Structures are given as structure tokens and as C-alpha cells.
């Protein structure tokens, strides 16, 4: 069951047990292997979400993101050199105004993604909103602040984390995360709306053929869809 946003104002200390610390270590070791393969190809990536914050569960995803446009050949070659098996390749667009992103699925709940077009500031800050960590952060065993799907601000500490609801505290959360208040307000609105009407899915999702590149698939989509052509020209 998806986590529901919490609107009430509260602070709560969450202490991790040995099993949760061990789970976090295992997730981070797997993540580091992926990010080191990308680093060997001179690609800088981040991991975002619970693995960056530290509040992992058995259902946590490994979401590695390269925050700039790059040749898909470079990324896929870097992964293949480590004998990483690619399960699926997808182009995903959340809404008509959002940048299309490429997703390379390499295992259960594990993916590497990157933008196929320029992202707006609010799109880039989405990752910082949820918490993003660099490979250096993982190597140094550092966890970062971020907001989960319950709209709870997760602040890591030695025992686990402290969490607090951000609804009604959007500007304070924005300052702590180092992002714009607009980004925080947009995410709060989106998650509260999803809680009210349910998950609505993404605007576009296309699985690539085995012999198809992301660049070729994007060109075909742009040829067929005026909205895609318009988004390619805007930021």
C-alpha cells in the first residue's frame, strides 16, 4: 500500500534496529556498484529517495539518476562492462510539460535514468526535495535530508532519523533543503492531490525495442507528436 501524506504537524524520533541498518548497508553497496560503473565512464550520478535519506524498507527502490543529457550508448556500455543485465528500457514523461526521461531497468526495483531534454529548475529540484546523495556521500556513509511520500521531512541522526510534517511549513522545508518554495509547493500539491483522487499514472510511457536507441525513439515520438516537439524546444 502506498504511503499517504500526513497533514498534521508533528516531530517524531525514529530509531533504527540492527536489521534496518543492515538493509541500508546492503542497498547502498548495490547502489555504489552501479554508480562506480558510471563513474568509470566519467558519468556523475546521484541516488535519490530513501537510500539517500537512509529510511529504507524492503520495498525501497534504487533510483540512480544522471542529472544531465548524455548519450544513451555511453550509459548502456558502462553498465554492460560490469556484466549488468538490462531488463527493459523505457521513455517516460510524467506530464506534457515535463522533460522526457530515459529509464534503464537493471533489476527488480533498480533503474538508471537520465533526461532526454533540458529540465526546468523545478524538475531538477524534485530530486533534492526527496533527498539526493552522491557517490562520495555513500562512500563516506553520509545520509541527507529529504521528504518522503507522506510529506514528512526526514532528518538523519545517529540513531536513525527525526521526521516532521511539512504541510504548512513549506518555506521552512525549502530553506532546509536548499530548493525553491515553488518546488516544495508543487510537490505538496501533487502528493495531496494523488492522495485525494488516487494515482493517475504518467502521461507517456514507451518501452523500447531491443534494436532501438533512446535517441531514435525520441525522434520518432517528436515526428508523430507536436507536444513532444514543443517540449524539446522549451525549458
C-alpha atoms as a PDB file:
ATOM      1  CA  UNK A   1       0.000   0.000   0.000  1.00  0.00           C
ATOM      2  CA  UNK A   2       1.328   3.452  -0.930  1.00  0.00           C
ATOM      3  CA  UNK A   3       2.260   5.784   1.876  1.00  0.00           C
ATOM      4  CA  UNK A   4      -0.309   8.522   2.489  1.00  0.00           C
ATOM      5  CA  UNK A   5       0.629  12.168   3.113  1.00  0.00           C
ATOM      6  CA  UNK A   6       0.411  13.271   6.724  1.00  0.00           C
ATOM      7  CA  UNK A   7      -1.045  16.745   7.232  1.00  0.00           C
ATOM      8  CA  UNK A   8      -0.779  17.011  10.997  1.00  0.00           C
ATOM      9  CA  UNK A   9       2.191  18.855  12.475  1.00  0.00           C
ATOM     10  CA  UNK A  10       4.436  16.585  14.476  1.00  0.00           C
ATOM     11  CA  UNK A  11       8.008  15.647  15.284  1.00  0.00           C
ATOM     12  CA  UNK A  12       8.961  12.041  15.864  1.00  0.00           C
ATOM     13  CA  UNK A  13      12.257  10.330  16.581  1.00  0.00           C
ATOM     14  CA  UNK A  14      12.704   7.030  14.732  1.00  0.00           C
ATOM     15  CA  UNK A  15      15.420   4.663  15.968  1.00  0.00           C
ATOM     16  CA  UNK A  16      16.724   2.001  13.577  1.00  0.00           C
ATOM     17  CA  UNK A  17      17.320  -1.564  14.664  1.00  0.00           C
ATOM     18  CA  UNK A  18      20.162  -3.784  13.502  1.00  0.00           C
ATOM     19  CA  UNK A  19      18.093  -5.209  10.636  1.00  0.00           C
ATOM     20  CA  UNK A  20      17.325  -1.758   9.227  1.00  0.00           C
ATOM     21  CA  UNK A  21      20.957  -0.640   9.416  1.00  0.00           C
ATOM     22  CA  UNK A  22      21.983  -3.875   7.663  1.00  0.00           C
ATOM     23  CA  UNK A  23      19.315  -3.356   4.985  1.00  0.00           C
ATOM     24  CA  UNK A  24      20.520   0.205   4.368  1.00  0.00           C
ATOM     25  CA  UNK A  25      24.118  -1.041   4.049  1.00  0.00           C
ATOM     26  CA  UNK A  26      23.070  -3.702   1.536  1.00  0.00           C
ATOM     27  CA  UNK A  27      21.065  -1.245  -0.575  1.00  0.00           C
ATOM     28  CA  UNK A  28      23.897   1.265  -0.550  1.00  0.00           C
ATOM     29  CA  UNK A  29      26.509  -1.313  -1.533  1.00  0.00           C
ATOM     30  CA  UNK A  30      24.420  -2.296  -4.567  1.00  0.00           C
ATOM     31  CA  UNK A  31      23.901   1.372  -5.422  1.00  0.00           C
ATOM     32  CA  UNK A  32      27.614   2.111  -5.175  1.00  0.00           C
ATOM     33  CA  UNK A  33      28.418  -0.692  -7.631  1.00  0.00           C
ATOM     34  CA  UNK A  34      26.121   0.915 -10.199  1.00  0.00           C
ATOM     35  CA  UNK A  35      27.392   4.444  -9.583  1.00  0.00           C
ATOM     36  CA  UNK A  36      31.043   3.302  -9.705  1.00  0.00           C
ATOM     37  CA  UNK A  37      30.420   1.692 -13.106  1.00  0.00           C
ATOM     38  CA  UNK A  38      29.093   5.037 -14.306  1.00  0.00           C
ATOM     39  CA  UNK A  39      31.999   6.876 -12.673  1.00  0.00           C
ATOM     40  CA  UNK A  40      34.436   4.684 -14.632  1.00  0.00           C
ATOM     41  CA  UNK A  41      32.775   6.094 -17.775  1.00  0.00           C
ATOM     42  CA  UNK A  42      33.199   9.638 -16.394  1.00  0.00           C
ATOM     43  CA  UNK A  43      29.498   9.958 -15.611  1.00  0.00           C
ATOM     44  CA  UNK A  44      28.451  11.708 -12.410  1.00  0.00           C
ATOM     45  CA  UNK A  45      25.237  10.332 -10.920  1.00  0.00           C
ATOM     46  CA  UNK A  46      23.157  10.720  -7.799  1.00  0.00           C
ATOM     47  CA  UNK A  47      20.839   8.363  -5.950  1.00  0.00           C
ATOM     48  CA  UNK A  48      17.610   9.806  -4.647  1.00  0.00           C
ATOM     49  CA  UNK A  49      14.895   8.828  -2.229  1.00  0.00           C
ATOM     50  CA  UNK A  50      15.096   6.592   0.820  1.00  0.00           C
ATOM     51  CA  UNK A  51      18.571   5.255   0.001  1.00  0.00           C
ATOM     52  CA  UNK A  52      19.900   8.825   0.077  1.00  0.00           C
ATOM     53  CA  UNK A  53      17.955   9.667   3.264  1.00  0.00           C
ATOM     54  CA  UNK A  54      18.516   6.312   4.968  1.00  0.00           C
ATOM     55  CA  UNK A  55      14.903   5.449   5.855  1.00  0.00           C
ATOM     56  CA  UNK A  56      14.835   2.310   3.723  1.00  0.00           C
ATOM     57  CA  UNK A  57      12.397  -0.578   3.792  1.00  0.00           C
ATOM     58  CA  UNK A  58      12.289  -3.909   1.953  1.00  0.00           C
ATOM     59  CA  UNK A  59      10.230  -2.156  -0.764  1.00  0.00           C
ATOM     60  CA  UNK A  60      12.726   0.639  -1.380  1.00  0.00           C
ATOM     61  CA  UNK A  61      13.747   1.340  -4.981  1.00  0.00           C
ATOM     62  CA  UNK A  62      17.278   2.009  -6.154  1.00  0.00           C
ATOM     63  CA  UNK A  63      16.854   5.130  -8.290  1.00  0.00           C
ATOM     64  CA  UNK A  64      20.148   6.282  -9.799  1.00  0.00           C
ATOM     65  CA  UNK A  65      19.868   9.479 -11.833  1.00  0.00           C
ATOM     66  CA  UNK A  66      22.301  11.244 -14.154  1.00  0.00           C
ATOM     67  CA  UNK A  67      21.138  14.889 -13.989  1.00  0.00           C
ATOM     68  CA  UNK A  68      22.163  15.970 -17.488  1.00  0.00           C
ATOM     69  CA  UNK A  69      21.718  14.918 -21.095  1.00  0.00           C
ATOM     70  CA  UNK A  70      24.148  12.244 -22.229  1.00  0.00           C
ATOM     71  CA  UNK A  71      24.454   9.648 -24.969  1.00  0.00           C
ATOM     72  CA  UNK A  72      22.494   6.542 -24.057  1.00  0.00           C
ATOM     73  CA  UNK A  73      25.229   4.460 -25.707  1.00  0.00           C
ATOM     74  CA  UNK A  74      27.745   5.712 -23.126  1.00  0.00           C
ATOM     75  CA  UNK A  75      25.481   4.734 -20.227  1.00  0.00           C
ATOM     76  CA  UNK A  76      24.492   1.321 -21.557  1.00  0.00           C
ATOM     77  CA  UNK A  77      28.105   0.494 -22.446  1.00  0.00           C
ATOM     78  CA  UNK A  78      29.237   1.438 -18.931  1.00  0.00           C
ATOM     79  CA  UNK A  79      26.673  -0.912 -17.410  1.00  0.00           C
ATOM     80  CA  UNK A  80      27.383  -3.745 -19.827  1.00  0.00           C
ATOM     81  CA  UNK A  81      31.114  -3.640 -18.984  1.00  0.00           C
ATOM     82  CA  UNK A  82      30.221  -4.776 -15.475  1.00  0.00           C
ATOM     83  CA  UNK A  83      28.045  -7.564 -16.910  1.00  0.00           C
ATOM     84  CA  UNK A  84      24.943  -5.778 -15.656  1.00  0.00           C
ATOM     85  CA  UNK A  85      21.868  -7.245 -17.317  1.00  0.00           C
ATOM     86  CA  UNK A  86      19.458  -4.678 -18.768  1.00  0.00           C
ATOM     87  CA  UNK A  87      15.872  -5.862 -18.398  1.00  0.00           C
ATOM     88  CA  UNK A  88      13.895  -3.037 -20.021  1.00  0.00           C
ATOM     89  CA  UNK A  89      14.423   0.411 -21.489  1.00  0.00           C
ATOM     90  CA  UNK A  90      11.654   2.974 -21.242  1.00  0.00           C
ATOM     91  CA  UNK A  91      10.919   6.570 -22.166  1.00  0.00           C
ATOM     92  CA  UNK A  92       8.731   8.162 -19.503  1.00  0.00           C
ATOM     93  CA  UNK A  93       7.078  11.582 -19.389  1.00  0.00           C
ATOM     94  CA  UNK A  94       5.177  12.432 -16.217  1.00  0.00           C
ATOM     95  CA  UNK A  95       3.100  15.261 -17.734  1.00  0.00           C
ATOM     96  CA  UNK A  96       3.056  17.021 -21.150  1.00  0.00           C
ATOM     97  CA  UNK A  97       5.188  19.863 -19.753  1.00  0.00           C
ATOM     98  CA  UNK A  98       7.806  17.712 -18.019  1.00  0.00           C
ATOM     99  CA  UNK A  99      11.008  16.565 -19.661  1.00  0.00           C
ATOM    100  CA  UNK A 100      11.046  13.056 -21.071  1.00  0.00           C
ATOM    101  CA  UNK A 101      13.417  10.757 -19.256  1.00  0.00           C
ATOM    102  CA  UNK A 102      15.107   7.535 -20.222  1.00  0.00           C
ATOM    103  CA  UNK A 103      14.913   4.643 -17.773  1.00  0.00           C
ATOM    104  CA  UNK A 104      17.243   1.675 -17.955  1.00  0.00           C
ATOM    105  CA  UNK A 105      15.863  -1.039 -15.684  1.00  0.00           C
ATOM    106  CA  UNK A 106      18.631  -3.353 -14.496  1.00  0.00           C
ATOM    107  CA  UNK A 107      16.918  -5.398 -11.852  1.00  0.00           C
ATOM    108  CA  UNK A 108      13.926  -5.588  -9.582  1.00  0.00           C
ATOM    109  CA  UNK A 109      13.176  -2.056  -8.338  1.00  0.00           C
ATOM    110  CA  UNK A 110      16.513  -0.848  -9.734  1.00  0.00           C
ATOM    111  CA  UNK A 111      16.997   1.665 -12.538  1.00  0.00           C
ATOM    112  CA  UNK A 112      19.325   4.260 -14.022  1.00  0.00           C
ATOM    113  CA  UNK A 113      17.611   7.276 -15.547  1.00  0.00           C
ATOM    114  CA  UNK A 114      18.621  10.461 -17.325  1.00  0.00           C
ATOM    115  CA  UNK A 115      16.825  13.340 -19.112  1.00  0.00           C
ATOM    116  CA  UNK A 116      16.370  13.272 -22.875  1.00  0.00           C
ATOM    117  CA  UNK A 117      15.765  17.031 -22.978  1.00  0.00           C
ATOM    118  CA  UNK A 118      16.506  20.053 -20.836  1.00  0.00           C
ATOM    119  CA  UNK A 119      14.823  20.063 -17.448  1.00  0.00           C
ATOM    120  CA  UNK A 120      13.241  23.054 -15.796  1.00  0.00           C
ATOM    121  CA  UNK A 121      14.570  24.172 -12.422  1.00  0.00           C
ATOM    122  CA  UNK A 122      11.569  22.740 -10.575  1.00  0.00           C
ATOM    123  CA  UNK A 123      12.126  19.349 -12.254  1.00  0.00           C
ATOM    124  CA  UNK A 124      15.774  19.233 -11.239  1.00  0.00           C
ATOM    125  CA  UNK A 125      14.901  20.237  -7.694  1.00  0.00           C
ATOM    126  CA  UNK A 126      12.427  17.358  -7.456  1.00  0.00           C
ATOM    127  CA  UNK A 127      15.387  15.082  -6.688  1.00  0.00           C
ATOM    128  CA  UNK A 128      16.704  17.373  -3.955  1.00  0.00           C
ATOM    129  CA  UNK A 129      13.187  17.527  -2.496  1.00  0.00           C
ATOM    130  CA  UNK A 130      13.202  13.764  -1.978  1.00  0.00           C
ATOM    131  CA  UNK A 131      16.857  13.735  -0.964  1.00  0.00           C
ATOM    132  CA  UNK A 132      19.805  13.091  -3.256  1.00  0.00           C
ATOM    133  CA  UNK A 133      23.212  11.655  -2.452  1.00  0.00           C
ATOM    134  CA  UNK A 134      26.406  11.499  -4.476  1.00  0.00           C
ATOM    135  CA  UNK A 135      28.757   8.555  -4.741  1.00  0.00           C
ATOM    136  CA  UNK A 136      31.112  10.395  -2.391  1.00  0.00           C
ATOM    137  CA  UNK A 137      28.281  10.697   0.149  1.00  0.00           C
ATOM    138  CA  UNK A 138      27.748   6.924   0.005  1.00  0.00           C
ATOM    139  CA  UNK A 139      31.446   6.197   0.335  1.00  0.00           C
ATOM    140  CA  UNK A 140      31.578   8.397   3.432  1.00  0.00           C
ATOM    141  CA  UNK A 141      28.397   6.818   4.845  1.00  0.00           C
ATOM    142  CA  UNK A 142      26.569  10.161   4.805  1.00  0.00           C
ATOM    143  CA  UNK A 143      22.784  10.477   4.701  1.00  0.00           C
ATOM    144  CA  UNK A 144      20.882  13.556   3.561  1.00  0.00           C
ATOM    145  CA  UNK A 145      17.642  15.331   4.405  1.00  0.00           C
ATOM    146  CA  UNK A 146      14.650  14.845   2.130  1.00  0.00           C
ATOM    147  CA  UNK A 147      10.873  14.488   2.065  1.00  0.00           C
ATOM    148  CA  UNK A 148       9.128  11.129   1.687  1.00  0.00           C
ATOM    149  CA  UNK A 149       5.767  10.346   0.043  1.00  0.00           C
ATOM    150  CA  UNK A 150       3.965  11.036   3.326  1.00  0.00           C
ATOM    151  CA  UNK A 151       5.259  14.626   3.065  1.00  0.00           C
ATOM    152  CA  UNK A 152       7.397  14.001   6.119  1.00  0.00           C
ATOM    153  CA  UNK A 153      10.786  15.691   6.309  1.00  0.00           C
ATOM    154  CA  UNK A 154      13.407  13.074   7.137  1.00  0.00           C
ATOM    155  CA  UNK A 155      16.428  14.441   9.030  1.00  0.00           C
ATOM    156  CA  UNK A 156      19.058  11.729   9.631  1.00  0.00           C
ATOM    157  CA  UNK A 157      20.766  11.393  13.019  1.00  0.00           C
ATOM    158  CA  UNK A 158      22.989   8.865  14.775  1.00  0.00           C
ATOM    159  CA  UNK A 159      20.100   6.706  15.985  1.00  0.00           C
ATOM    160  CA  UNK A 160      18.040   6.803  12.795  1.00  0.00           C
ATOM    161  CA  UNK A 161      16.138   9.927  11.863  1.00  0.00           C
ATOM    162  CA  UNK A 162      13.830  12.663  13.031  1.00  0.00           C
ATOM    163  CA  UNK A 163      10.694  13.216  10.960  1.00  0.00           C
ATOM    164  CA  UNK A 164       8.195  16.067  10.807  1.00  0.00           C
ATOM    165  CA  UNK A 165       5.268  17.007   8.576  1.00  0.00           C
ATOM    166  CA  UNK A 166       5.986  19.807   6.088  1.00  0.00           C
ATOM    167  CA  UNK A 167       2.404  20.813   5.197  1.00  0.00           C
ATOM    168  CA  UNK A 168       2.073  24.372   6.450  1.00  0.00           C
ATOM    169  CA  UNK A 169       5.876  24.611   6.735  1.00  0.00           C
ATOM    170  CA  UNK A 170       6.728  24.663   3.028  1.00  0.00           C
ATOM    171  CA  UNK A 171       9.029  27.687   3.137  1.00  0.00           C
ATOM    172  CA  UNK A 172      10.955  26.328   6.119  1.00  0.00           C
ATOM    173  CA  UNK A 173      11.390  22.986   4.339  1.00  0.00           C
ATOM    174  CA  UNK A 174      12.548  24.732   1.158  1.00  0.00           C
ATOM    175  CA  UNK A 175      15.277  26.610   3.041  1.00  0.00           C
ATOM    176  CA  UNK A 176      16.499  23.469   4.797  1.00  0.00           C
ATOM    177  CA  UNK A 177      16.632  21.517   1.515  1.00  0.00           C
ATOM    178  CA  UNK A 178      18.193  24.393  -0.429  1.00  0.00           C
ATOM    179  CA  UNK A 179      15.473  24.498  -3.080  1.00  0.00           C
ATOM    180  CA  UNK A 180      12.749  26.921  -4.137  1.00  0.00           C
ATOM    181  CA  UNK A 181       9.466  27.258  -2.265  1.00  0.00           C
ATOM    182  CA  UNK A 182       7.776  26.716  -5.652  1.00  0.00           C
ATOM    183  CA  UNK A 183       9.203  23.220  -5.897  1.00  0.00           C
ATOM    184  CA  UNK A 184       8.064  22.314  -2.398  1.00  0.00           C
ATOM    185  CA  UNK A 185       4.569  23.734  -3.018  1.00  0.00           C
ATOM    186  CA  UNK A 186       4.296  21.818  -6.309  1.00  0.00           C
ATOM    187  CA  UNK A 187       5.248  18.533  -4.684  1.00  0.00           C
ATOM    188  CA  UNK A 188       2.894  19.089  -1.744  1.00  0.00           C
ATOM    189  CA  UNK A 189       0.046  19.857  -4.146  1.00  0.00           C
ATOM    190  CA  UNK A 190       0.806  16.815  -6.327  1.00  0.00           C
ATOM    191  CA  UNK A 191       1.036  14.347  -3.429  1.00  0.00           C
ATOM    192  CA  UNK A 192      -2.076  15.673  -1.683  1.00  0.00           C
ATOM    193  CA  UNK A 193      -3.979  15.510  -4.985  1.00  0.00           C
ATOM    194  CA  UNK A 194      -2.806  11.941  -5.572  1.00  0.00           C
ATOM    195  CA  UNK A 195      -3.962  11.035  -2.076  1.00  0.00           C
ATOM    196  CA  UNK A 196      -7.389  12.531  -2.815  1.00  0.00           C
ATOM    197  CA  UNK A 197      -8.092  11.162  -6.308  1.00  0.00           C
ATOM    198  CA  UNK A 198      -5.615   8.282  -6.464  1.00  0.00           C
ATOM    199  CA  UNK A 199      -2.574   7.666  -8.638  1.00  0.00           C
ATOM    200  CA  UNK A 200      -3.286   8.854 -12.189  1.00  0.00           C
ATOM    201  CA  UNK A 201      -0.267   7.331 -13.909  1.00  0.00           C
ATOM    202  CA  UNK A 202       2.172   9.031 -16.250  1.00  0.00           C
ATOM    203  CA  UNK A 203       1.381  10.971 -19.414  1.00  0.00           C
ATOM    204  CA  UNK A 204       3.599   8.823 -21.634  1.00  0.00           C
ATOM    205  CA  UNK A 205       5.447   5.546 -21.224  1.00  0.00           C
ATOM    206  CA  UNK A 206       7.083   3.771 -24.148  1.00  0.00           C
ATOM    207  CA  UNK A 207       9.138   0.607 -23.961  1.00  0.00           C
ATOM    208  CA  UNK A 208      11.947   0.487 -26.496  1.00  0.00           C
ATOM    209  CA  UNK A 209      12.536  -2.362 -28.907  1.00  0.00           C
ATOM    210  CA  UNK A 210      15.734  -4.358 -28.478  1.00  0.00           C
ATOM    211  CA  UNK A 211      17.349  -2.732 -31.535  1.00  0.00           C
ATOM    212  CA  UNK A 212      16.083   0.786 -30.808  1.00  0.00           C
ATOM    213  CA  UNK A 213      18.100   3.588 -29.215  1.00  0.00           C
ATOM    214  CA  UNK A 214      16.622   6.240 -26.928  1.00  0.00           C
ATOM    215  CA  UNK A 215      17.632   8.934 -29.394  1.00  0.00           C
ATOM    216  CA  UNK A 216      15.877   7.225 -32.310  1.00  0.00           C
ATOM    217  CA  UNK A 217      12.756   6.547 -30.233  1.00  0.00           C
ATOM    218  CA  UNK A 218      12.643  10.193 -29.146  1.00  0.00           C
ATOM    219  CA  UNK A 219      12.942  11.381 -32.756  1.00  0.00           C
ATOM    220  CA  UNK A 220      10.054   9.146 -33.796  1.00  0.00           C
ATOM    221  CA  UNK A 221       7.914  10.441 -30.944  1.00  0.00           C
ATOM    222  CA  UNK A 222       8.736  14.024 -31.900  1.00  0.00           C
ATOM    223  CA  UNK A 223       7.859  13.354 -35.547  1.00  0.00           C
ATOM    224  CA  UNK A 224       4.482  11.967 -34.510  1.00  0.00           C
ATOM    225  CA  UNK A 225       3.553  14.291 -31.653  1.00  0.00           C
ATOM    226  CA  UNK A 226       3.544  18.127 -31.814  1.00  0.00           C
ATOM    227  CA  UNK A 227       3.532  18.320 -27.992  1.00  0.00           C
ATOM    228  CA  UNK A 228       6.824  16.435 -27.860  1.00  0.00           C
ATOM    229  CA  UNK A 229       8.334  18.766 -30.469  1.00  0.00           C
ATOM    230  CA  UNK A 230       7.242  21.792 -28.452  1.00  0.00           C
ATOM    231  CA  UNK A 231       8.729  20.405 -25.229  1.00  0.00           C
ATOM    232  CA  UNK A 232      12.039  19.740 -26.966  1.00  0.00           C
ATOM    233  CA  UNK A 233      12.271  23.462 -27.772  1.00  0.00           C
ATOM    234  CA  UNK A 234      11.411  24.762 -24.296  1.00  0.00           C
ATOM    235  CA  UNK A 235      12.984  24.712 -20.846  1.00  0.00           C
END
